[in-house]
Amino acid sequence: MNINKEQSKHLAETARVVAIAQFAAFGYTAVVNQQYSIAILSTLWFVAAEWLAVMLLEDQ
């Protein structure tokens, strides 16, 4: 990806915010309603988005 350091930081932070928001919305709701398969999927999406954020920061 051909982006500068500030753009990379912004994209990484955006990925983290989206990860936390989806995890809070879907993960918490799934656990409360005992839908553990959805909670697991939400956790996997969270981990994937966090991994993306780390990869974006490592490029710089």
Protein backbone atom coordinates (compact mmCIF):
# COMPACT_ATOMS: atom_id res chain seq x y z
CA MET A 1 0.00 0.00 0.00
CA ASN A 2 1.44 3.38 -0.97
CA ILE A 3 0.32 5.66 1.88
CA ASN A 4 2.25 7.97 4.16
CA LYS A 5 2.77 7.53 7.90
CA GLU A 6 -0.13 9.80 8.97
CA GLN A 7 -2.58 8.06 6.62
CA SER A 8 -1.43 4.72 7.97
CA LYS A 9 -2.02 5.85 11.55
CA HIS A 10 -5.48 7.14 10.66
CA LEU A 11 -6.48 3.90 8.92
CA ALA A 12 -5.17 1.83 11.82
CA GLU A 13 -7.14 3.89 14.34
CA THR A 14 -10.28 3.65 12.19
CA ALA A 15 -9.90 -0.13 12.00
CA ARG A 16 -9.56 -0.28 15.79
CA VAL A 17 -12.66 1.87 16.35
CA VAL A 18 -14.71 -0.26 13.96
CA ALA A 19 -13.45 -3.44 15.64
CA ILE A 20 -14.39 -2.23 19.10
CA ALA A 21 -17.79 -0.94 17.96
CA GLN A 22 -18.80 -4.15 16.22
CA PHE A 23 -17.54 -6.23 19.11
CA ALA A 24 -19.51 -4.14 21.59
CA ALA A 25 -22.69 -4.20 19.50
CA PHE A 26 -22.71 -7.76 18.21
CA GLY A 27 -20.52 -9.60 20.70
CA TYR A 28 -22.21 -8.28 23.83
CA THR A 29 -25.71 -8.74 22.41
CA ALA A 30 -24.89 -12.29 21.35
CA VAL A 31 -23.55 -13.23 24.79
CA VAL A 32 -26.55 -11.70 26.55
CA ASN A 33 -28.90 -13.65 24.28
CA GLN A 34 -26.77 -16.81 24.56
CA GLN A 35 -26.00 -16.91 20.84
CA TYR A 36 -22.44 -18.08 21.24
CA SER A 37 -21.78 -18.78 17.56
CA ILE A 38 -22.41 -15.10 16.78
CA ALA A 39 -20.24 -14.10 19.74
CA ILE A 40 -17.40 -16.23 18.36
CA LEU A 41 -17.79 -14.71 14.89
CA SER A 42 -17.77 -11.24 16.41
CA THR A 43 -14.59 -12.09 18.27
CA LEU A 44 -12.96 -13.32 15.06
CA TRP A 45 -13.91 -10.10 13.26
CA PHE A 46 -12.46 -8.13 16.18
CA VAL A 47 -9.18 -10.02 16.00
CA ALA A 48 -9.02 -9.61 12.21
CA ALA A 49 -9.57 -5.85 12.42
CA GLU A 50 -6.95 -5.51 15.15
CA TRP A 51 -4.52 -7.54 13.05
CA LEU A 52 -5.19 -5.18 10.12
CA ALA A 53 -4.46 -2.18 12.35
CA VAL A 54 -1.16 -3.69 13.47
CA MET A 55 -0.18 -4.51 9.89
CA LEU A 56 -0.93 -0.96 8.79
CA LEU A 57 1.32 0.39 11.51
CA GLU A 58 4.13 -2.07 10.78
CA ASP A 59 4.34 -0.91 7.16
CA GLN A 60 5.68 2.44 8.32
